[in-house]
N, C-alpha and C. Protein backbone atom coordinates (compact mmCIF):
# COMPACT_ATOMS: atom_id res chain seq x y z
N MET A 1 155.22 71.85 73.94
CA MET A 1 155.51 70.94 74.31
C MET A 1 156.06 69.62 73.91
N PRO A 2 157.31 69.35 74.20
CA PRO A 2 157.95 68.48 73.20
C PRO A 2 157.73 66.59 73.10
N CYS A 3 157.54 65.65 72.33
CA CYS A 3 157.46 64.87 72.67
C CYS A 3 158.37 63.75 73.25
N PHE A 4 156.95 63.54 74.49
CA PHE A 4 157.03 62.28 75.95
C PHE A 4 158.69 61.98 75.49
N ASN A 5 158.50 61.10 74.31
CA ASN A 5 159.31 60.04 73.85
C ASN A 5 161.00 60.33 74.00
N CYS A 6 160.73 61.60 72.35
CA CYS A 6 161.96 61.78 71.35
C CYS A 6 162.40 62.68 71.21
N GLY A 7 161.79 63.74 71.91
CA GLY A 7 161.53 65.00 72.21
C GLY A 7 161.95 66.19 71.29
N ALA A 8 161.02 65.25 70.89
CA ALA A 8 160.94 66.27 69.40
C ALA A 8 160.06 67.39 69.28
N ARG A 9 160.33 68.45 68.90
CA ARG A 9 159.26 69.74 68.36
C ARG A 9 158.38 69.78 67.46
N GLN A 10 157.32 70.17 67.61
CA GLN A 10 155.88 71.00 67.46
C GLN A 10 156.10 71.62 66.39
N SER A 11 156.49 71.11 65.02
CA SER A 11 156.49 73.03 64.05
C SER A 11 155.31 73.52 64.13
N ASP A 12 155.16 74.36 63.72
CA ASP A 12 153.38 75.40 62.77
C ASP A 12 152.86 73.95 62.35
N PRO A 13 151.64 73.49 62.39
CA PRO A 13 150.59 72.82 62.16
C PRO A 13 150.37 72.48 60.34
N ALA A 14 150.01 72.20 59.56
CA ALA A 14 149.70 71.92 57.87
C ALA A 14 148.13 72.54 58.69
N ARG A 15 147.36 72.59 57.88
CA ARG A 15 145.84 72.77 57.53
C ARG A 15 145.55 72.00 57.89
N GLY A 16 144.18 70.93 58.71
CA GLY A 16 143.94 69.55 59.44
C GLY A 16 144.64 69.59 60.16
N VAL A 17 144.06 68.02 60.30
CA VAL A 17 143.62 67.44 61.65
C VAL A 17 146.06 67.06 61.96
N SER A 18 146.25 67.54 63.20
CA SER A 18 147.79 67.25 63.84
C SER A 18 148.03 66.24 64.05
N THR A 19 148.94 65.13 62.98
CA THR A 19 149.44 64.16 62.93
C THR A 19 149.21 63.83 64.84
N TRP A 20 150.08 64.30 65.67
CA TRP A 20 150.99 64.47 67.09
C TRP A 20 149.62 63.81 68.25
N LYS A 21 149.57 62.81 69.00
CA LYS A 21 148.41 63.17 69.17
C LYS A 21 148.87 62.63 70.53
N ARG A 22 147.64 62.86 72.30
CA ARG A 22 148.17 63.23 73.74
C ARG A 22 147.36 61.65 74.29
N GLY A 23 148.29 61.76 75.68
CA GLY A 23 148.21 60.48 76.41
C GLY A 23 148.46 61.10 77.54
N VAL A 24 148.74 59.95 78.20
CA VAL A 24 148.81 59.80 79.55
C VAL A 24 150.10 59.34 79.96
N GLN A 25 150.50 60.24 80.63
CA GLN A 25 152.18 58.58 81.83
C GLN A 25 152.35 59.10 82.80
N ALA A 26 151.48 57.89 83.70
CA ALA A 26 152.02 58.93 85.05
C ALA A 26 151.67 59.98 85.42
N ASP A 27 149.71 60.20 85.33
CA ASP A 27 148.97 61.00 85.56
C ASP A 27 149.80 62.61 84.89
N ARG A 28 150.19 62.54 84.35
CA ARG A 28 151.11 64.05 83.16
C ARG A 28 150.28 63.70 81.87
N GLN A 29 150.03 64.92 81.40
CA GLN A 29 149.42 64.63 79.58
C GLN A 29 151.16 65.26 79.28
N VAL A 30 150.75 64.20 77.98
CA VAL A 30 151.90 64.15 77.21
C VAL A 30 151.47 63.53 75.57
N LEU A 31 152.65 64.47 75.10
CA LEU A 31 151.91 64.65 73.20
C LEU A 31 153.42 63.65 72.58
N ILE A 32 153.20 62.89 71.70
CA ILE A 32 153.96 62.07 70.70
C ILE A 32 153.57 62.32 70.09
N CYS A 33 154.43 62.16 69.16
CA CYS A 33 155.02 62.83 67.57
C CYS A 33 154.72 61.02 66.70
N PRO A 34 154.46 61.47 65.38
CA PRO A 34 154.41 60.62 64.68
C PRO A 34 154.51 59.21 64.78
N ASN A 35 156.50 60.08 64.65
CA ASN A 35 157.36 58.89 64.31
C ASN A 35 157.84 58.09 66.03
N CYS A 36 157.16 58.48 67.07
CA CYS A 36 156.95 57.78 68.24
C CYS A 36 156.24 56.95 68.29
N GLN A 37 154.68 56.78 67.80
CA GLN A 37 153.16 56.58 67.76
C GLN A 37 153.53 55.64 67.27
N THR A 38 154.44 55.02 66.33
CA THR A 38 154.37 53.05 66.03
C THR A 38 156.06 52.05 66.67
N HIS A 39 156.05 53.11 68.24
CA HIS A 39 156.70 52.17 69.13
C HIS A 39 155.82 52.13 70.08
N GLU A 40 156.13 50.94 70.71
CA GLU A 40 155.61 51.00 72.07
C GLU A 40 155.93 51.80 73.05
N LEU A 41 154.90 51.94 73.85
CA LEU A 41 154.99 53.46 74.85
C LEU A 41 154.65 53.03 75.93
N THR A 42 154.89 53.36 76.91
CA THR A 42 154.05 53.23 78.72
C THR A 42 153.63 54.25 78.73
N LEU A 43 152.68 54.16 78.19
CA LEU A 43 150.55 55.01 78.92
C LEU A 43 149.86 54.63 80.06
N ASP A 44 149.20 55.68 80.34
CA ASP A 44 148.78 55.09 81.19
C ASP A 44 147.23 54.50 80.51
N ARG A 45 146.54 53.27 81.32
CA ARG A 45 145.51 52.61 80.41
C ARG A 45 143.84 53.46 81.75
N CYS A 46 143.46 53.64 81.23
CA CYS A 46 141.98 53.42 81.47
C CYS A 46 141.79 52.01 82.55
N SER A 47 141.19 51.67 83.55
CA SER A 47 140.53 51.02 84.32
C SER A 47 139.37 50.30 83.58
N ALA A 48 138.61 51.34 83.36
CA ALA A 48 137.14 50.42 83.17
C ALA A 48 137.13 49.98 81.39
N CYS A 49 138.25 50.29 81.12
CA CYS A 49 137.59 49.75 79.11
C CYS A 49 139.29 49.38 78.67
N GLY A 50 140.62 50.21 79.13
CA GLY A 50 141.92 49.67 78.75
C GLY A 50 142.53 50.62 77.37
N SER A 51 141.25 51.11 77.03
CA SER A 51 142.27 52.46 76.14
C SER A 51 142.82 53.49 76.77
N LEU A 52 143.98 53.85 75.66
CA LEU A 52 144.85 55.03 75.84
C LEU A 52 144.32 56.10 75.03
N GLU A 53 143.24 56.15 75.23
CA GLU A 53 142.53 58.01 74.28
C GLU A 53 142.15 58.76 75.78
N LEU A 54 143.58 58.87 76.96
CA LEU A 54 143.24 58.94 78.78
C LEU A 54 143.82 61.10 77.64
N VAL A 55 143.10 62.17 78.73
CA VAL A 55 143.48 63.58 78.51
C VAL A 55 143.57 63.22 80.50
N CYS A 56 144.10 64.45 80.20
CA CYS A 56 144.64 64.73 81.78
C CYS A 56 144.55 66.10 81.91
N ARG A 57 143.18 67.21 82.74
CA ARG A 57 143.21 68.29 82.47
C ARG A 57 142.39 68.39 84.17
N LEU A 58 143.04 69.70 84.61
CA LEU A 58 142.85 70.12 86.41
C LEU A 58 142.25 69.57 87.60
N GLY A 59 143.28 68.55 87.09
CA GLY A 59 143.30 67.47 88.30
C GLY A 59 142.74 65.77 87.87
N GLU A 60 141.96 65.86 86.98
CA GLU A 60 141.40 65.22 87.36
C GLU A 60 142.39 63.94 85.22
N VAL A 61 142.10 62.55 85.37
CA VAL A 61 141.92 62.03 84.11
C VAL A 61 141.40 61.66 83.92
N GLU A 62 141.05 61.91 82.69
CA GLU A 62 138.93 61.55 81.33
C GLU A 62 139.33 60.23 80.62
N CYS A 63 138.94 59.26 80.34
CA CYS A 63 138.38 58.98 79.15
C CYS A 63 138.24 58.99 77.89
N ARG A 64 139.03 59.20 76.43
CA ARG A 64 137.61 60.35 75.71
C ARG A 64 137.65 59.15 75.11
N SER A 65 137.79 57.22 75.23
CA SER A 65 136.58 56.12 74.45
C SER A 65 135.56 56.36 75.58
N CYS A 66 135.58 56.32 76.70
CA CYS A 66 133.98 55.62 77.51
C CYS A 66 134.09 56.67 78.50
N GLY A 67 134.56 58.08 78.90
CA GLY A 67 133.94 58.98 79.68
C GLY A 67 134.36 58.84 81.19
N ALA A 68 135.30 57.39 81.27
CA ALA A 68 135.46 57.13 83.13
C ALA A 68 136.19 58.15 82.87
N THR A 69 136.15 58.94 84.93
CA THR A 69 137.16 59.85 85.42
C THR A 69 137.92 59.10 86.20
N ARG A 70 139.08 59.86 86.54
CA ARG A 70 139.42 59.98 87.73
C ARG A 70 140.28 60.88 88.25
N GLU A 71 140.83 60.72 89.59
CA GLU A 71 141.50 62.33 89.52
C GLU A 71 142.70 61.66 89.69
N ALA A 72 143.67 63.04 89.36
CA ALA A 72 144.48 62.94 89.01
C ALA A 72 145.57 62.72 90.04
N ALA A 73 147.29 62.39 90.00
CA ALA A 73 147.90 61.82 91.69
C ALA A 73 148.84 63.06 91.30
N PRO A 74 148.83 64.41 92.82
CA PRO A 74 149.00 65.75 93.07
C PRO A 74 150.26 65.95 92.48
N GLY A 75 150.45 67.24 92.42
CA GLY A 75 151.43 67.71 91.57
C GLY A 75 151.96 67.42 89.80
N ASP A 76 152.95 67.96 89.59
CA ASP A 76 152.63 69.53 88.27
C ASP A 76 151.28 67.93 87.07
N LEU A 77 150.56 68.52 86.70
CA LEU A 77 149.83 67.92 85.69
C LEU A 77 150.34 67.97 83.91
N VAL A 78 151.23 68.69 83.82
CA VAL A 78 151.85 68.37 82.74
C VAL A 78 153.78 68.49 83.20
N ALA A 79 153.47 67.70 81.90
CA ALA A 79 155.11 66.95 81.88
C ALA A 79 156.27 68.14 81.65
N SER A 80 157.50 67.89 82.28
CA SER A 80 158.17 69.79 81.88
C SER A 80 159.63 69.22 81.99
N GLY A 81 160.15 70.49 82.24
CA GLY A 81 161.69 69.47 82.48
C GLY A 81 162.40 68.92 80.56
N ALA A 82 161.71 69.76 80.08
CA ALA A 82 162.61 70.13 78.57
C ALA A 82 164.13 69.92 78.22
N PRO A 83 164.72 69.75 78.42
CA PRO A 83 166.10 69.92 78.19
C PRO A 83 166.13 70.91 76.69
N GLY A 84 166.46 71.80 77.07
CA GLY A 84 167.45 73.89 76.31
C GLY A 84 165.97 74.19 76.11
N LEU A 85 164.75 74.26 76.99
CA LEU A 85 163.67 74.96 76.58
C LEU A 85 163.82 76.30 77.10
N SER A 86 164.57 76.58 78.46
CA SER A 86 164.85 78.02 78.90
C SER A 86 165.75 79.05 77.72
N ASP A 87 167.08 77.78 77.38
CA ASP A 87 167.82 78.61 75.89
C ASP A 87 166.74 78.91 74.60
N GLU A 88 165.89 78.48 74.39
CA GLU A 88 165.22 78.69 73.23
C GLU A 88 164.02 79.55 73.65
N VAL A 89 163.43 79.55 74.90
CA VAL A 89 162.67 80.99 74.90
C VAL A 89 163.51 81.82 74.89
N GLN A 90 164.04 82.30 76.08
CA GLN A 90 165.92 83.32 75.61
C GLN A 90 165.93 83.15 74.24
N ALA A 91 166.69 82.99 73.23
CA ALA A 91 166.64 83.13 72.31
C ALA A 91 165.37 83.64 71.41
N ALA A 92 164.66 83.29 71.60
CA ALA A 92 163.61 83.76 70.87
C ALA A 92 163.12 85.39 71.29
N LEU A 93 162.94 85.52 72.86
CA LEU A 93 162.42 86.85 73.32
C LEU A 93 163.76 87.66 73.23
N ASP A 94 164.98 87.26 72.60
CA ASP A 94 165.57 88.11 72.33
C ASP A 94 165.82 87.99 70.38
N ARG A 95 165.45 87.34 70.19
CA ARG A 95 165.00 87.74 68.54
C ARG A 95 163.86 89.04 68.73
N VAL A 96 162.91 88.90 69.04
CA VAL A 96 161.52 89.71 68.87
C VAL A 96 162.24 90.92 69.25
N LEU A 97 162.60 90.88 71.01
CA LEU A 97 163.20 92.42 71.04
C LEU A 97 164.92 92.88 70.60
N LYS A 98 164.79 92.08 69.64
CA LYS A 98 166.36 92.68 68.54
C LYS A 98 166.91 92.76 70.06
N ARG A 99 167.30 92.51 70.44
CA ARG A 99 168.50 92.41 71.67
C ARG A 99 169.58 91.62 71.34
N ARG A 100 170.82 92.05 71.42
CA ARG A 100 171.92 91.13 71.15
C ARG A 100 172.39 90.84 71.96
N SER A 101 173.29 89.68 72.29
CA SER A 101 173.84 88.17 73.18
C SER A 101 175.47 88.88 73.62
């Protein structure tokens, strides 16, 4: 999944903790690259404590700071529609399966 703000793609991480962060925007799980973490972002906040440390899974949004949960809005729970992603997947499959275009 690319960064929701700039579209950068995650590469294989070095050992240790990832520098990418997770967040929720409009009840959808998003990833935030290290460069965009310094920008003012429009992410959902916890209604109980105001934290940005939210995760969206299995139809609910949970605050990792205080543990409050709420039901996510119906629809896709993961942000999608990254430009060019299907082309990249097709190219990767062609390489792995040694197909010629």
